[in-house]
Protein backbone atom coordinates (compact mmCIF):
# COMPACT_ATOMS: atom_id res chain seq x y z
CA UNK A 1 -142.14 -34.50 146.00
CA UNK A 2 -140.95 -34.39 149.60
CA UNK A 3 -138.58 -37.29 148.95
CA UNK A 4 -137.17 -35.44 145.94
CA UNK A 5 -136.58 -32.28 147.97
CA UNK A 6 -135.01 -34.29 150.79
CA UNK A 7 -132.59 -36.02 148.40
CA UNK A 8 -131.67 -32.75 146.69
CA UNK A 9 -131.06 -31.20 150.10
CA UNK A 10 -128.73 -34.09 151.04
CA UNK A 11 -126.79 -33.72 147.81
CA UNK A 12 -126.55 -29.94 148.19
CA UNK A 13 -125.31 -30.35 151.75
CA UNK A 14 -122.65 -32.79 150.59
CA UNK A 15 -121.52 -30.37 147.89
CA UNK A 16 -121.40 -27.54 150.42
CA UNK A 17 -119.33 -29.64 152.82
CA UNK A 18 -117.00 -30.73 150.01
CA UNK A 19 -116.49 -27.07 149.02
CA UNK A 20 -115.44 -26.16 152.56
CA UNK A 21 -118.79 -24.75 153.79
CA UNK A 22 -118.60 -21.40 151.97
CA UNK A 23 -121.16 -18.74 152.81
CA UNK A 24 -123.42 -17.21 150.19
CA UNK A 25 -123.29 -20.04 147.66
CA UNK A 26 -126.40 -21.94 148.70
CA UNK A 27 -128.21 -21.31 145.42
CA UNK A 28 -125.21 -22.61 143.47
CA UNK A 29 -125.06 -25.81 145.52
CA UNK A 30 -128.83 -26.27 145.26
CA UNK A 31 -128.80 -25.95 141.46
CA UNK A 32 -125.88 -28.38 141.14
CA UNK A 33 -127.67 -30.81 143.46
CA UNK A 34 -130.81 -30.62 141.33
CA UNK A 35 -128.77 -31.52 138.25
CA UNK A 36 -127.15 -34.46 140.02
CA UNK A 37 -130.52 -35.65 141.37
CA UNK A 38 -132.12 -35.37 137.93
CA UNK A 39 -129.33 -37.40 136.38
CA UNK A 40 -129.56 -40.07 139.08
CA UNK A 41 -133.35 -40.30 138.95
CA UNK A 42 -133.41 -40.33 135.16
CA UNK A 43 -130.92 -43.18 135.03
CA UNK A 44 -132.30 -45.27 137.91
CA UNK A 45 -133.55 -47.92 135.47
CA UNK A 46 -130.05 -48.34 134.11
CA UNK A 47 -128.67 -48.60 137.62
CA UNK A 48 -131.23 -51.28 138.53
CA UNK A 49 -130.23 -53.30 135.49
CA UNK A 50 -126.54 -53.09 136.42
CA UNK A 51 -125.72 -51.45 133.10
CA UNK A 52 -124.59 -48.24 134.72
CA UNK A 53 -121.25 -47.90 136.41
CA UNK A 54 -120.13 -45.63 139.24
CA UNK A 55 -118.04 -43.74 136.71
CA UNK A 56 -121.25 -42.59 135.01
CA UNK A 57 -122.46 -41.09 138.27
CA UNK A 58 -119.07 -39.49 138.83
CA UNK A 59 -119.24 -38.04 135.34
CA UNK A 60 -122.60 -36.41 136.14
CA UNK A 61 -121.25 -34.99 139.38
CA UNK A 62 -118.16 -33.72 137.58
CA UNK A 63 -120.34 -32.12 134.92
CA UNK A 64 -122.38 -30.40 137.61
CA UNK A 65 -119.20 -29.20 139.29
CA UNK A 66 -117.87 -27.93 135.97
CA UNK A 67 -121.11 -26.04 135.46
CA UNK A 68 -120.66 -24.43 138.86
CA UNK A 69 -117.10 -23.42 138.01
CA UNK A 70 -118.14 -21.80 134.75
CA UNK A 71 -120.93 -19.90 136.54
CA UNK A 72 -118.40 -18.59 139.05
CA UNK A 73 -116.17 -17.29 136.30
CA UNK A 74 -119.07 -15.49 134.64
CA UNK A 75 -119.82 -13.42 137.55
């Protein structure tokens, strides 16, 4: 569980940095990071078998970012 939290924290930090280090959006970055981590961990078998491509990972990250954008528009 600690490894999971550590990885999510790293992803969230990367998202925060990429977004320009905005204040007050930590929960948003954390939730997006959890989605990205879940996708990566769920598909680790595919990655190990070389059947997954980087574009699949990018698609998950894009989907998470799109989810963040729609949450921002809602309020």
